[in-house]
Amino acid sequence: MVTTVNETEKKSSQDKLLKIGELAQQVDVAVGTIRYYESLGLVEPVHRSESGYRYYAVDAVGRVQFIRKAQSLQFSLSEIQQILGVRGQGTPACPLVQSLLNQKIAVLESQIYRMTALKEELLAYRERWADRPLDDPCKQELCSLIEEVAEHGLPSE
């Protein structure tokens, strides 16, 4: 069989490309994850064969690893899209990352405040109810402790 230069070049360039399964294996994610990232525009195949196989450049490995690292820092895929979009425009992404990080810290601080307040409230209930007698099982109440909260909130001392 005679191979033309064009076919040889095509074969040579495909040798440097990764099929979707190879990419997924190298970054330890499911093929479906790569497809999902592709549907969001986070990674793009550089070539699709006539039979529909997706081929990715070797640098897609680093891109998917970046996505996974960003996710481990609780960046959403939408935020990662923003970061990659800014970088794709040739602009440094670090200022955006810092801004998003500051927003995340503010949300966490608010959640910590609310959780601490809830903990204090629950501790107060626990102390108040520690020596309280059990409910009479013949009554209709499911639990007088919760009924007290639902009707009145935590009574003042």
C-alpha atoms as a PDB file:
ATOM      1  CA  MET A   1       0.000   0.000   0.000  1.00  0.00           C
ATOM      2  CA  VAL A   2       1.301   3.429  -0.934  1.00  0.00           C
ATOM      3  CA  THR A   3       0.962   6.116   1.727  1.00  0.00           C
ATOM      4  CA  THR A   4       0.900   9.702   0.569  1.00  0.00           C
ATOM      5  CA  VAL A   5       2.759  12.459   2.378  1.00  0.00           C
ATOM      6  CA  ASN A   6      -0.549  13.980   3.417  1.00  0.00           C
ATOM      7  CA  GLU A   7      -1.695  10.710   5.030  1.00  0.00           C
ATOM      8  CA  THR A   8       1.673  10.331   6.747  1.00  0.00           C
ATOM      9  CA  GLU A   9       1.485  13.861   8.142  1.00  0.00           C
ATOM     10  CA  LYS A  10      -2.065  13.257   9.320  1.00  0.00           C
ATOM     11  CA  LYS A  11      -1.030   9.998  11.007  1.00  0.00           C
ATOM     12  CA  SER A  12       2.005  11.687  12.590  1.00  0.00           C
ATOM     13  CA  SER A  13      -0.087  14.557  13.959  1.00  0.00           C
ATOM     14  CA  GLN A  14      -2.701  12.122  15.307  1.00  0.00           C
ATOM     15  CA  ASP A  15       0.062  10.213  17.118  1.00  0.00           C
ATOM     16  CA  LYS A  16       0.612  13.375  19.187  1.00  0.00           C
ATOM     17  CA  LEU A  17      -3.098  13.679  19.960  1.00  0.00           C
ATOM     18  CA  LEU A  18      -5.015  11.891  22.675  1.00  0.00           C
ATOM     19  CA  LYS A  19      -8.302  10.093  22.230  1.00  0.00           C
ATOM     20  CA  ILE A  20     -10.900  11.030  24.810  1.00  0.00           C
ATOM     21  CA  GLY A  21     -10.343   7.791  26.738  1.00  0.00           C
ATOM     22  CA  GLU A  22      -6.597   8.382  26.888  1.00  0.00           C
ATOM     23  CA  LEU A  23      -7.111  11.917  28.138  1.00  0.00           C
ATOM     24  CA  ALA A  24      -9.589  10.726  30.758  1.00  0.00           C
ATOM     25  CA  GLN A  25      -7.186   8.037  31.931  1.00  0.00           C
ATOM     26  CA  GLN A  26      -4.245  10.424  32.203  1.00  0.00           C
ATOM     27  CA  VAL A  27      -6.187  12.846  34.392  1.00  0.00           C
ATOM     28  CA  ASP A  28      -8.099  10.126  36.263  1.00  0.00           C
ATOM     29  CA  VAL A  29     -11.627  11.231  35.385  1.00  0.00           C
ATOM     30  CA  ALA A  30     -14.479   9.497  33.596  1.00  0.00           C
ATOM     31  CA  VAL A  31     -14.889   9.931  29.851  1.00  0.00           C
ATOM     32  CA  GLY A  32     -18.297  11.433  30.604  1.00  0.00           C
ATOM     33  CA  THR A  33     -16.582  14.154  32.618  1.00  0.00           C
ATOM     34  CA  ILE A  34     -14.447  15.105  29.627  1.00  0.00           C
ATOM     35  CA  ARG A  35     -17.564  15.170  27.437  1.00  0.00           C
ATOM     36  CA  TYR A  36     -19.320  17.361  29.995  1.00  0.00           C
ATOM     37  CA  TYR A  37     -16.356  19.740  30.173  1.00  0.00           C
ATOM     38  CA  GLU A  38     -16.423  19.864  26.378  1.00  0.00           C
ATOM     39  CA  SER A  39     -20.155  20.676  26.368  1.00  0.00           C
ATOM     40  CA  LEU A  40     -19.360  23.658  28.618  1.00  0.00           C
ATOM     41  CA  GLY A  41     -16.484  24.783  26.410  1.00  0.00           C
ATOM     42  CA  LEU A  42     -13.873  24.095  29.081  1.00  0.00           C
ATOM     43  CA  VAL A  43     -11.907  21.727  26.813  1.00  0.00           C
ATOM     44  CA  GLU A  44     -12.101  21.360  23.070  1.00  0.00           C
ATOM     45  CA  PRO A  45     -10.959  18.541  20.823  1.00  0.00           C
ATOM     46  CA  VAL A  46      -8.541  19.734  18.161  1.00  0.00           C
ATOM     47  CA  HIS A  47      -9.716  17.101  15.716  1.00  0.00           C
ATOM     48  CA  ARG A  48     -12.629  14.787  15.134  1.00  0.00           C
ATOM     49  CA  SER A  49     -12.146  11.749  12.953  1.00  0.00           C
ATOM     50  CA  GLU A  50     -14.571  10.717  10.240  1.00  0.00           C
ATOM     51  CA  SER A  51     -15.844   8.052  12.629  1.00  0.00           C
ATOM     52  CA  GLY A  52     -16.510  10.679  15.307  1.00  0.00           C
ATOM     53  CA  TYR A  53     -13.535  10.054  17.607  1.00  0.00           C
ATOM     54  CA  ARG A  54     -12.449  13.121  19.510  1.00  0.00           C
ATOM     55  CA  TYR A  55      -8.736  13.924  19.569  1.00  0.00           C
ATOM     56  CA  TYR A  56      -7.270  16.316  22.102  1.00  0.00           C
ATOM     57  CA  ALA A  57      -3.927  18.081  22.151  1.00  0.00           C
ATOM     58  CA  VAL A  58      -1.500  16.924  24.819  1.00  0.00           C
ATOM     59  CA  ASP A  59      -1.945  20.278  26.631  1.00  0.00           C
ATOM     60  CA  ALA A  60      -5.551  19.267  27.362  1.00  0.00           C
ATOM     61  CA  VAL A  61      -4.102  17.158  30.190  1.00  0.00           C
ATOM     62  CA  GLY A  62      -2.888  20.307  31.958  1.00  0.00           C
ATOM     63  CA  ARG A  63      -6.157  22.080  31.272  1.00  0.00           C
ATOM     64  CA  VAL A  64      -8.252  19.301  32.832  1.00  0.00           C
ATOM     65  CA  GLN A  65      -5.849  19.125  35.775  1.00  0.00           C
ATOM     66  CA  PHE A  66      -6.289  22.891  36.216  1.00  0.00           C
ATOM     67  CA  ILE A  67     -10.083  22.462  36.184  1.00  0.00           C
ATOM     68  CA  ARG A  68      -9.870  19.726  38.821  1.00  0.00           C
ATOM     69  CA  LYS A  69      -7.556  21.821  41.034  1.00  0.00           C
ATOM     70  CA  ALA A  70      -9.895  24.808  40.740  1.00  0.00           C
ATOM     71  CA  GLN A  71     -12.848  22.599  41.674  1.00  0.00           C
ATOM     72  CA  SER A  72     -10.937  21.372  44.733  1.00  0.00           C
ATOM     73  CA  LEU A  73     -10.809  25.029  45.825  1.00  0.00           C
ATOM     74  CA  GLN A  74     -14.607  25.160  45.438  1.00  0.00           C
ATOM     75  CA  PHE A  75     -14.608  27.139  42.212  1.00  0.00           C
ATOM     76  CA  SER A  76     -17.742  26.304  40.245  1.00  0.00           C
ATOM     77  CA  LEU A  77     -17.548  25.252  36.614  1.00  0.00           C
ATOM     78  CA  SER A  78     -19.128  28.588  35.730  1.00  0.00           C
ATOM     79  CA  GLU A  79     -16.368  30.427  37.574  1.00  0.00           C
ATOM     80  CA  ILE A  80     -13.771  28.225  35.890  1.00  0.00           C
ATOM     81  CA  GLN A  81     -15.325  29.167  32.532  1.00  0.00           C
ATOM     82  CA  GLN A  82     -14.850  32.832  33.454  1.00  0.00           C
ATOM     83  CA  ILE A  83     -11.236  32.236  34.463  1.00  0.00           C
ATOM     84  CA  LEU A  84     -10.434  30.320  31.278  1.00  0.00           C
ATOM     85  CA  GLY A  85     -12.269  32.933  29.209  1.00  0.00           C
ATOM     86  CA  VAL A  86     -10.239  35.782  30.655  1.00  0.00           C
ATOM     87  CA  ARG A  87      -7.019  33.846  30.128  1.00  0.00           C
ATOM     88  CA  GLY A  88      -8.108  32.918  26.617  1.00  0.00           C
ATOM     89  CA  GLN A  89      -8.354  36.624  25.808  1.00  0.00           C
ATOM     90  CA  GLY A  90      -4.690  37.009  26.715  1.00  0.00           C
ATOM     91  CA  THR A  91      -5.417  38.723  30.028  1.00  0.00           C
ATOM     92  CA  PRO A  92      -3.953  37.500  33.322  1.00  0.00           C
ATOM     93  CA  ALA A  93      -6.613  35.557  35.236  1.00  0.00           C
ATOM     94  CA  CYS A  94      -5.135  36.019  38.704  1.00  0.00           C
ATOM     95  CA  PRO A  95      -7.023  39.263  39.517  1.00  0.00           C
ATOM     96  CA  LEU A  96     -10.322  37.503  38.708  1.00  0.00           C
ATOM     97  CA  VAL A  97      -9.270  34.489  40.777  1.00  0.00           C
ATOM     98  CA  GLN A  98      -8.412  36.762  43.713  1.00  0.00           C
ATOM     99  CA  SER A  99     -11.772  38.528  43.432  1.00  0.00           C
ATOM    100  CA  LEU A 100     -13.665  35.228  43.308  1.00  0.00           C
ATOM    101  CA  LEU A 101     -11.609  33.971  46.237  1.00  0.00           C
ATOM    102  CA  ASN A 102     -12.490  37.051  48.291  1.00  0.00           C
ATOM    103  CA  GLN A 103     -16.173  36.462  47.539  1.00  0.00           C
ATOM    104  CA  LYS A 104     -15.852  32.835  48.654  1.00  0.00           C
ATOM    105  CA  ILE A 105     -14.160  33.868  51.882  1.00  0.00           C
ATOM    106  CA  ALA A 106     -16.946  36.394  52.610  1.00  0.00           C
ATOM    107  CA  VAL A 107     -19.601  33.715  52.030  1.00  0.00           C
ATOM    108  CA  LEU A 108     -17.741  31.292  54.306  1.00  0.00           C
ATOM    109  CA  GLU A 109     -17.408  33.918  57.030  1.00  0.00           C
ATOM    110  CA  SER A 110     -21.156  34.550  56.847  1.00  0.00           C
ATOM    111  CA  GLN A 111     -21.881  30.823  57.006  1.00  0.00           C
ATOM    112  CA  ILE A 112     -19.532  30.423  59.965  1.00  0.00           C
ATOM    113  CA  TYR A 113     -21.298  33.291  61.759  1.00  0.00           C
ATOM    114  CA  ARG A 114     -24.716  31.729  61.161  1.00  0.00           C
ATOM    115  CA  MET A 115     -23.504  28.270  62.171  1.00  0.00           C
ATOM    116  CA  THR A 116     -21.926  29.647  65.371  1.00  0.00           C
ATOM    117  CA  ALA A 117     -25.174  31.436  66.259  1.00  0.00           C
ATOM    118  CA  LEU A 118     -27.141  28.238  65.621  1.00  0.00           C
ATOM    119  CA  LYS A 119     -24.724  26.263  67.781  1.00  0.00           C
ATOM    120  CA  GLU A 120     -25.169  28.754  70.638  1.00  0.00           C
ATOM    121  CA  GLU A 121     -28.951  28.524  70.306  1.00  0.00           C
ATOM    122  CA  LEU A 122     -28.853  24.722  70.344  1.00  0.00           C
ATOM    123  CA  LEU A 123     -26.543  24.714  73.367  1.00  0.00           C
ATOM    124  CA  ALA A 124     -29.018  26.991  75.188  1.00  0.00           C
ATOM    125  CA  TYR A 125     -31.882  24.598  74.370  1.00  0.00           C
ATOM    126  CA  ARG A 126     -29.848  21.623  75.519  1.00  0.00           C
ATOM    127  CA  GLU A 127     -29.062  23.324  78.844  1.00  0.00           C
ATOM    128  CA  ARG A 128     -32.652  24.476  79.340  1.00  0.00           C
ATOM    129  CA  TRP A 129     -34.076  21.039  78.583  1.00  0.00           C
ATOM    130  CA  ALA A 130     -31.496  18.955  80.472  1.00  0.00           C
ATOM    131  CA  ASP A 131     -33.641  18.343  83.571  1.00  0.00           C
ATOM    132  CA  ARG A 132     -37.041  18.576  81.948  1.00  0.00           C
ATOM    133  CA  PRO A 133     -39.373  15.613  82.582  1.00  0.00           C
ATOM    134  CA  LEU A 134     -40.374  13.382  79.685  1.00  0.00           C
ATOM    135  CA  ASP A 135     -43.648  14.010  77.859  1.00  0.00           C
ATOM    136  CA  ASP A 136     -46.732  12.020  78.832  1.00  0.00           C
ATOM    137  CA  PRO A 137     -47.096   9.384  76.053  1.00  0.00           C
ATOM    138  CA  CYS A 138     -50.896   9.572  76.406  1.00  0.00           C
ATOM    139  CA  LYS A 139     -50.966  13.180  75.184  1.00  0.00           C
ATOM    140  CA  GLN A 140     -51.197  14.169  71.540  1.00  0.00           C
ATOM    141  CA  GLU A 141     -47.939  16.144  71.499  1.00  0.00           C
ATOM    142  CA  LEU A 142     -45.139  14.607  69.467  1.00  0.00           C
ATOM    143  CA  CYS A 143     -42.414  16.354  71.473  1.00  0.00           C
ATOM    144  CA  SER A 144     -43.077  19.293  73.774  1.00  0.00           C
ATOM    145  CA  LEU A 145     -39.523  20.530  73.367  1.00  0.00           C
ATOM    146  CA  ILE A 146     -39.903  21.175  69.657  1.00  0.00           C
ATOM    147  CA  GLU A 147     -43.457  22.435  70.149  1.00  0.00           C
ATOM    148  CA  GLU A 148     -42.082  25.020  72.572  1.00  0.00           C
ATOM    149  CA  VAL A 149     -39.594  26.250  69.979  1.00  0.00           C
ATOM    150  CA  ALA A 150     -42.150  26.318  67.180  1.00  0.00           C
ATOM    151  CA  GLU A 151     -44.634  28.328  69.239  1.00  0.00           C
ATOM    152  CA  HIS A 152     -42.457  30.630  71.291  1.00  0.00           C
ATOM    153  CA  GLY A 153     -38.797  30.452  70.353  1.00  0.00           C
ATOM    154  CA  LEU A 154     -36.277  30.118  73.152  1.00  0.00           C
ATOM    155  CA  PRO A 155     -37.823  31.596  76.309  1.00  0.00           C
ATOM    156  CA  SER A 156     -35.838  34.264  78.124  1.00  0.00           C
ATOM    157  CA  GLU A 157     -34.304  33.383  81.433  1.00  0.00           C
END
